[in-house]
Amino acid sequence: MISRREILIVGGLSLAWPVVSYGQPAARKWRLGFLASRRVSSLAADEVYGSLLLGLRDLGYVEGRNLVVELRSADGKADQLAAQAAELVKAKVDVIVTGGSQATSAAQKETQTIPIVMGTVSDPVGSGFVKSLGHPGGNITGLSNLGTGITSKHFELLRDMVPKMSRAALLVNSTNSSRSQAVAGIEAAGRKANVKVMRLEASTPREIERAFETMATNRIDGLIVALDSVFAQQRRQFAELGLKHRMPAIYAMREHVEAGALMSYGQNISDNFRRAAAFVDKIFKGAKAGDLPVEQSTTFELYINGKTARALGLTIPQSLLISADKVIE
């Protein structure tokens, strides 16, 4: 036990020594880069990508406190992504999170050292982003949305909605590296059902408009729209063109249906970006991206817009009504 005398001696010495302030080291501010193909004016306000910040907040990372976000978005202009990826590298971010295949490809070409977390990519192995889902290798990991693996299901659901469909169209983004698998899946489903499939490509609003004009000329009965971030940006245009040309269409994101399109089947992409936060956290704490297995979702949602179905003169089959996660009226 310390005696009273010892306490007085220590106290006296402390008064004699010069006062030196040893402040706590400032908490590190992590720099997070975000690269998106479509328009993103504010990451926090974005209805899909914003969930990344919510997931990071749950893990203790708050923008403005211990997190700095460098946001770059190409507004649907794929040729701008390379320069924007270079800007993120120059900003010396600790991790880059990407929205879509085009953004991931641009980031991959720009850096092999900064970790890249894919928020949503349809075919990470086929696109050359990772060696395998279980062992990505390199500097890329994240989440796969299985967008190309459900194209046959899209065909099946659209045919349920349009039983007499004999001519179908598949619309893909010509700049999306995952488009080849989507094409193969739809063409195989078409052959099996004896339905002719027309492949169309678009990457700009004007090209999307021309694609609908082409479908009208060729008397297409139904449309499958491949998952793509630029198409998501143009979801209101798709909804308007679908009604204008009376074209039943199915999409991979529920946001299309919420914007007025007929139906969608796919993963909750917003949830993917919330889950991406866990990858970012592990990398901040020292994990290597190439050692973190790519994750896939197993839950899919079917959304139907009842108002649009009536406007197109379609009766929603009971089987779809029962299966739907949500019918918007």
Protein backbone atom coordinates (compact mmCIF):
# COMPACT_ATOMS: atom_id res chain seq x y z
CA MET A 1 0.00 0.00 0.00
CA ILE A 2 1.32 3.50 -0.85
CA SER A 3 1.89 5.62 2.27
CA ARG A 4 0.65 9.17 2.73
CA ARG A 5 4.30 10.36 2.72
CA GLU A 6 4.94 8.66 -0.66
CA ILE A 7 1.84 10.30 -2.08
CA LEU A 8 3.07 13.71 -0.92
CA ILE A 9 6.52 13.12 -2.43
CA VAL A 10 5.08 12.04 -5.78
CA GLY A 11 2.71 14.97 -5.70
CA GLY A 12 5.54 17.36 -5.03
CA LEU A 13 7.69 15.98 -7.83
CA SER A 14 4.81 16.23 -10.27
CA LEU A 15 4.48 19.90 -9.46
CA ALA A 16 8.19 20.40 -10.06
CA TRP A 17 8.24 18.71 -13.48
CA PRO A 18 7.31 20.68 -16.59
CA VAL A 19 3.75 20.12 -17.71
CA VAL A 20 3.65 18.19 -20.99
CA SER A 21 0.36 17.39 -22.80
CA TYR A 22 0.18 13.94 -24.31
CA GLY A 23 -2.98 14.05 -26.39
CA GLN A 24 -4.63 10.91 -27.73
CA PRO A 25 -3.67 10.17 -31.34
CA ALA A 26 -6.35 11.41 -33.73
CA ALA A 27 -8.68 8.68 -34.91
CA ARG A 28 -7.92 7.65 -38.46
CA LYS A 29 -10.17 8.94 -41.19
CA TRP A 30 -10.68 6.22 -43.76
CA ARG A 31 -11.01 7.29 -47.39
CA LEU A 32 -13.68 5.42 -49.30
CA GLY A 33 -13.99 5.73 -53.06
CA PHE A 34 -17.30 5.01 -54.79
CA LEU A 35 -17.51 4.60 -58.55
CA ALA A 36 -20.85 4.26 -60.36
CA SER A 37 -21.82 4.02 -64.00
CA ARG A 38 -25.13 5.78 -63.52
CA ARG A 39 -25.95 9.20 -62.12
CA VAL A 40 -25.43 9.56 -58.37
CA SER A 41 -25.70 13.10 -57.03
CA SER A 42 -25.44 12.08 -53.37
CA LEU A 43 -24.43 8.69 -52.05
CA ALA A 44 -26.36 9.17 -48.80
CA ALA A 45 -29.57 10.09 -50.66
CA ASP A 46 -29.37 7.36 -53.29
CA GLU A 47 -32.17 4.81 -52.82
CA VAL A 48 -29.93 1.87 -53.80
CA TYR A 49 -26.33 2.81 -53.13
CA GLY A 50 -27.13 4.78 -49.98
CA SER A 51 -27.52 1.55 -48.02
CA LEU A 52 -23.73 1.20 -48.13
CA LEU A 53 -23.39 4.18 -45.79
CA LEU A 54 -26.11 2.76 -43.52
CA GLY A 55 -24.21 -0.51 -43.30
CA LEU A 56 -20.96 1.32 -42.56
CA ARG A 57 -22.67 3.40 -39.86
CA ASP A 58 -23.79 0.18 -38.16
CA LEU A 59 -20.13 -0.85 -38.11
CA GLY A 60 -18.96 2.44 -36.62
CA TYR A 61 -17.96 4.42 -39.70
CA VAL A 62 -19.61 7.82 -40.00
CA GLU A 63 -19.01 10.20 -42.88
CA GLY A 64 -17.47 13.42 -41.59
CA ARG A 65 -16.21 11.78 -38.41
CA ASN A 66 -13.96 8.87 -39.32
CA LEU A 67 -14.94 8.38 -42.94
CA VAL A 68 -14.34 10.47 -46.06
CA VAL A 69 -16.26 9.52 -49.20
CA GLU A 70 -14.93 10.30 -52.67
CA LEU A 71 -17.88 9.90 -55.03
CA ARG A 72 -17.56 9.59 -58.80
CA SER A 73 -20.42 8.76 -61.16
CA ALA A 74 -20.44 8.69 -64.96
CA ASP A 75 -24.10 9.64 -65.54
CA GLY A 76 -24.47 6.71 -67.92
CA LYS A 77 -21.44 7.70 -70.00
CA ALA A 78 -19.16 4.66 -69.94
CA ASP A 79 -16.29 6.52 -71.60
CA GLN A 80 -15.93 8.73 -68.50
CA LEU A 81 -15.34 5.89 -66.07
CA ALA A 82 -11.62 5.47 -66.77
CA ALA A 83 -10.84 9.09 -65.89
CA GLN A 84 -13.01 8.90 -62.78
CA ALA A 85 -11.32 5.71 -61.61
CA ALA A 86 -7.97 7.46 -62.09
CA GLU A 87 -9.21 10.34 -59.92
CA LEU A 88 -10.03 7.92 -57.09
CA VAL A 89 -6.58 6.37 -57.30
CA LYS A 90 -5.00 9.83 -57.26
CA ALA A 91 -7.09 10.68 -54.18
CA LYS A 92 -5.38 7.75 -52.43
CA VAL A 93 -8.57 6.12 -51.22
CA ASP A 94 -8.26 3.05 -49.01
CA VAL A 95 -11.01 1.06 -50.76
CA ILE A 96 -13.06 1.51 -53.92
CA VAL A 97 -16.67 0.27 -53.94
CA THR A 98 -18.14 -0.14 -57.41
CA GLY A 99 -21.69 -0.09 -58.72
CA GLY A 100 -21.93 -2.42 -61.70
CA SER A 101 -19.69 -4.27 -64.14
CA GLN A 102 -18.58 -1.22 -66.13
CA ALA A 103 -17.43 0.61 -62.99
CA THR A 104 -15.64 -2.50 -61.70
CA SER A 105 -13.85 -2.94 -65.01
CA ALA A 106 -12.70 0.68 -65.01
CA ALA A 107 -11.39 0.43 -61.45
CA GLN A 108 -9.65 -2.87 -62.18
CA LYS A 109 -7.80 -1.38 -65.16
CA GLU A 110 -6.66 1.58 -63.08
CA THR A 111 -5.31 -0.19 -60.00
CA GLN A 112 -4.11 -3.62 -58.96
CA THR A 113 -3.22 -2.54 -55.42
CA ILE A 114 -6.17 -0.59 -53.97
CA PRO A 115 -8.83 -3.07 -52.77
CA ILE A 116 -12.03 -3.05 -54.84
CA VAL A 117 -15.39 -4.18 -53.43
CA MET A 118 -18.06 -5.01 -56.01
CA GLY A 119 -21.46 -3.94 -54.76
CA THR A 120 -23.24 -5.70 -57.60
CA VAL A 121 -21.81 -7.62 -60.57
CA SER A 122 -23.62 -10.26 -62.60
CA ASP A 123 -20.70 -12.46 -63.64
CA PRO A 124 -17.48 -11.63 -61.74
CA VAL A 125 -15.64 -14.75 -62.92
CA GLY A 126 -16.70 -14.52 -66.57
CA SER A 127 -15.91 -10.81 -66.57
CA GLY A 128 -12.38 -11.51 -65.36
CA PHE A 129 -12.72 -9.68 -62.05
CA VAL A 130 -11.96 -12.68 -59.83
CA LYS A 131 -10.38 -16.10 -60.34
CA SER A 132 -13.21 -17.85 -58.53
CA LEU A 133 -15.98 -16.94 -56.11
CA GLY A 134 -14.40 -18.84 -53.25
CA HIS A 135 -10.85 -17.61 -53.89
CA PRO A 136 -10.98 -14.28 -55.72
CA GLY A 137 -7.23 -13.56 -55.68
CA GLY A 138 -6.00 -10.16 -56.78
CA ASN A 139 -7.50 -7.01 -55.29
CA ILE A 140 -11.22 -7.53 -55.98
CA THR A 141 -14.04 -9.11 -53.96
CA GLY A 142 -17.63 -8.28 -53.05
CA LEU A 143 -21.06 -9.44 -54.15
CA SER A 144 -22.48 -11.10 -57.23
CA ASN A 145 -26.12 -10.45 -58.10
CA LEU A 146 -26.67 -13.55 -60.27
CA GLY A 147 -28.18 -11.22 -62.87
CA THR A 148 -27.20 -13.43 -65.79
CA GLY A 149 -28.20 -16.64 -64.01
CA ILE A 150 -31.90 -15.75 -63.75
CA THR A 151 -32.58 -14.75 -67.36
CA SER A 152 -34.36 -18.04 -68.03
CA LYS A 153 -36.60 -17.30 -65.03
CA HIS A 154 -37.34 -13.87 -66.50
CA PHE A 155 -38.40 -15.57 -69.72
CA GLU A 156 -40.64 -17.98 -67.82
CA LEU A 157 -42.35 -15.25 -65.79
CA LEU A 158 -42.89 -13.03 -68.83
CA ARG A 159 -44.45 -15.92 -70.70
CA ASP A 160 -46.77 -16.52 -67.76
CA MET A 161 -47.86 -12.91 -68.04
CA VAL A 162 -48.09 -13.05 -71.87
CA PRO A 163 -49.12 -16.68 -72.63
CA LYS A 164 -49.35 -16.14 -76.39
CA MET A 165 -45.86 -14.69 -76.68
CA SER A 166 -44.23 -15.92 -79.90
CA ARG A 167 -41.66 -13.14 -80.41
CA ALA A 168 -39.55 -11.89 -77.52
CA ALA A 169 -36.72 -9.38 -77.30
CA LEU A 170 -33.73 -9.14 -74.99
CA LEU A 171 -32.21 -5.72 -74.39
CA VAL A 172 -28.63 -5.55 -73.14
CA ASN A 173 -26.13 -2.75 -72.62
CA SER A 174 -23.40 -3.06 -75.24
CA THR A 175 -20.80 -1.82 -72.73
CA ASN A 176 -21.67 -4.40 -70.04
CA SER A 177 -19.18 -7.27 -69.87
CA SER A 178 -21.85 -9.64 -68.50
CA ARG A 179 -24.19 -9.36 -71.50
CA SER A 180 -23.02 -12.53 -73.27
CA GLN A 181 -24.31 -14.85 -70.53
CA ALA A 182 -27.68 -13.08 -70.47
CA VAL A 183 -27.99 -13.54 -74.22
CA ALA A 184 -27.11 -17.23 -74.02
CA GLY A 185 -29.66 -17.84 -71.27
CA ILE A 186 -32.56 -16.15 -73.08
CA GLU A 187 -31.77 -17.71 -76.45
CA ALA A 188 -31.72 -21.18 -74.86
CA ALA A 189 -35.07 -20.53 -73.14
CA GLY A 190 -36.52 -19.25 -76.41
CA ARG A 191 -35.49 -22.34 -78.35
CA LYS A 192 -36.98 -24.60 -75.71
CA ALA A 193 -40.31 -22.75 -75.82
CA ASN A 194 -40.28 -22.28 -79.61
CA VAL A 195 -40.25 -18.50 -79.17
CA LYS A 196 -38.16 -16.32 -81.49
CA VAL A 197 -35.78 -14.05 -79.58
CA MET A 198 -34.45 -10.76 -80.94
CA ARG A 199 -31.31 -9.36 -79.34
CA LEU A 200 -31.06 -5.58 -79.07
CA GLU A 201 -28.32 -3.38 -77.60
CA ALA A 202 -28.43 0.10 -76.12
CA SER A 203 -26.27 2.24 -73.88
CA THR A 204 -27.84 5.72 -74.21
CA PRO A 205 -31.38 7.12 -73.83
CA ARG A 206 -31.67 7.61 -77.58
CA GLU A 207 -30.58 4.03 -78.26
CA ILE A 208 -33.16 2.78 -75.74
CA GLU A 209 -35.85 4.73 -77.58
CA ARG A 210 -34.75 3.29 -80.92
CA ALA A 211 -34.81 -0.22 -79.45
CA PHE A 212 -38.49 0.19 -78.54
CA GLU A 213 -39.20 1.47 -82.03
CA THR A 214 -37.48 -1.57 -83.50
CA MET A 215 -39.52 -3.89 -81.28
CA ALA A 216 -42.75 -2.21 -82.37
CA THR A 217 -41.79 -2.59 -86.04
CA ASN A 218 -41.00 -6.27 -85.52
CA ARG A 219 -44.19 -6.90 -83.53
CA ILE A 220 -42.40 -8.14 -80.42
CA ASP A 221 -44.78 -9.55 -77.81
CA GLY A 222 -42.61 -9.17 -74.72
CA LEU A 223 -39.29 -7.74 -73.56
CA ILE A 224 -36.62 -8.94 -71.11
CA VAL A 225 -34.31 -6.14 -69.95
CA ALA A 226 -30.93 -7.31 -68.66
CA LEU A 227 -29.70 -6.01 -65.33
CA ASP A 228 -27.62 -2.89 -65.86
CA SER A 229 -26.95 0.24 -63.80
CA VAL A 230 -27.47 2.57 -66.78
CA PHE A 231 -30.85 0.94 -67.46
CA ALA A 232 -31.68 1.49 -63.78
CA GLN A 233 -30.90 5.18 -64.20
CA GLN A 234 -33.33 5.31 -67.14
CA ARG A 235 -36.10 3.38 -65.37
CA ARG A 236 -38.69 6.14 -65.83
CA GLN A 237 -37.91 6.25 -69.54
CA PHE A 238 -38.41 2.48 -69.74
CA ALA A 239 -41.75 2.71 -67.95
CA GLU A 240 -42.96 5.48 -70.28
CA LEU A 241 -41.82 3.69 -73.43
CA GLY A 242 -43.39 0.45 -72.26
CA LEU A 243 -46.77 2.15 -71.96
CA LYS A 244 -46.34 4.13 -75.17
CA HIS A 245 -45.57 1.02 -77.22
CA ARG A 246 -47.80 -1.26 -75.13
CA MET A 247 -44.80 -3.51 -74.52
CA PRO A 248 -44.96 -5.97 -71.59
CA ALA A 249 -41.49 -6.12 -70.06
CA ILE A 250 -39.69 -7.72 -67.15
CA TYR A 251 -36.68 -6.24 -65.35
CA ALA A 252 -34.20 -7.40 -62.71
CA MET A 253 -34.70 -4.54 -60.24
CA ARG A 254 -37.87 -3.68 -58.33
CA GLU A 255 -37.05 0.03 -58.73
CA HIS A 256 -38.24 -0.29 -62.35
CA VAL A 257 -41.66 -1.47 -61.18
CA GLU A 258 -41.85 1.27 -58.58
CA ALA A 259 -41.21 3.71 -61.45
CA GLY A 260 -44.15 2.28 -63.42
CA ALA A 261 -42.79 -0.73 -65.33
CA LEU A 262 -44.79 -3.96 -65.47
CA MET A 263 -42.79 -6.51 -63.48
CA SER A 264 -39.41 -7.43 -62.06
CA TYR A 265 -37.68 -10.46 -60.63
CA GLY A 266 -34.31 -10.32 -58.93
CA GLN A 267 -32.34 -9.62 -55.83
CA ASN A 268 -32.69 -6.60 -53.60
CA ILE A 269 -29.66 -4.71 -54.92
CA SER A 270 -29.91 -2.17 -52.12
CA ASP A 271 -29.35 -5.01 -49.66
CA ASN A 272 -26.23 -6.01 -51.61
CA PHE A 273 -24.68 -2.60 -50.97
CA ARG A 274 -25.53 -2.76 -47.29
CA ARG A 275 -23.75 -6.11 -47.15
CA ALA A 276 -20.79 -4.60 -49.03
CA ALA A 277 -20.10 -2.55 -45.90
CA ALA A 278 -18.91 -5.71 -44.13
CA PHE A 279 -16.29 -6.26 -46.85
CA VAL A 280 -15.09 -2.66 -46.47
CA ASP A 281 -14.87 -3.07 -42.68
CA LYS A 282 -12.79 -6.26 -42.97
CA ILE A 283 -10.40 -4.60 -45.41
CA PHE A 284 -10.04 -1.53 -43.18
CA LYS A 285 -9.09 -3.94 -40.39
CA GLY A 286 -6.37 -5.60 -42.45
CA ALA A 287 -7.99 -8.33 -44.55
CA LYS A 288 -6.89 -8.76 -48.16
CA ALA A 289 -9.62 -8.44 -50.76
CA GLY A 290 -8.40 -11.51 -52.64
CA ASP A 291 -8.84 -13.65 -49.52
CA LEU A 292 -12.50 -12.70 -48.98
CA PRO A 293 -14.92 -15.01 -50.88
CA VAL A 294 -17.43 -13.35 -53.18
CA GLU A 295 -20.95 -13.64 -51.76
CA GLN A 296 -24.18 -14.38 -53.61
CA SER A 297 -27.75 -13.80 -52.55
CA THR A 298 -30.28 -16.60 -52.55
CA THR A 299 -33.38 -14.47 -51.98
CA PHE A 300 -35.27 -13.10 -54.98
CA GLU A 301 -38.25 -10.78 -55.20
CA LEU A 302 -41.13 -10.69 -57.67
CA TYR A 303 -42.73 -7.25 -58.06
CA ILE A 304 -45.73 -6.54 -60.28
CA ASN A 305 -47.38 -3.23 -61.11
CA GLY A 306 -51.12 -3.90 -61.27
CA LYS A 307 -51.94 -0.47 -62.66
CA THR A 308 -49.51 -0.95 -65.54
CA ALA A 309 -50.84 -4.43 -66.24
CA ARG A 310 -54.36 -3.02 -66.63
CA ALA A 311 -53.08 -0.21 -68.86
CA LEU A 312 -51.49 -2.83 -71.11
CA GLY A 313 -54.69 -4.85 -71.19
CA LEU A 314 -53.16 -7.76 -69.30
CA THR A 315 -54.78 -9.96 -66.68
CA ILE A 316 -52.29 -11.00 -64.02
CA PRO A 317 -52.45 -14.81 -63.65
CA GLN A 318 -53.37 -16.11 -60.22
CA SER A 319 -50.09 -18.02 -60.07
CA LEU A 320 -48.14 -14.74 -60.32
CA LEU A 321 -50.38 -12.97 -57.81
CA ILE A 322 -49.71 -15.74 -55.31
CA SER A 323 -45.94 -15.72 -55.98
CA ALA A 324 -45.51 -11.94 -55.97
CA ASP A 325 -43.73 -10.33 -53.04
CA LYS A 326 -45.56 -7.11 -53.83
CA VAL A 327 -48.26 -5.98 -56.25
CA ILE A 328 -48.23 -2.21 -56.66
CA GLU A 329 -51.64 -0.60 -57.22
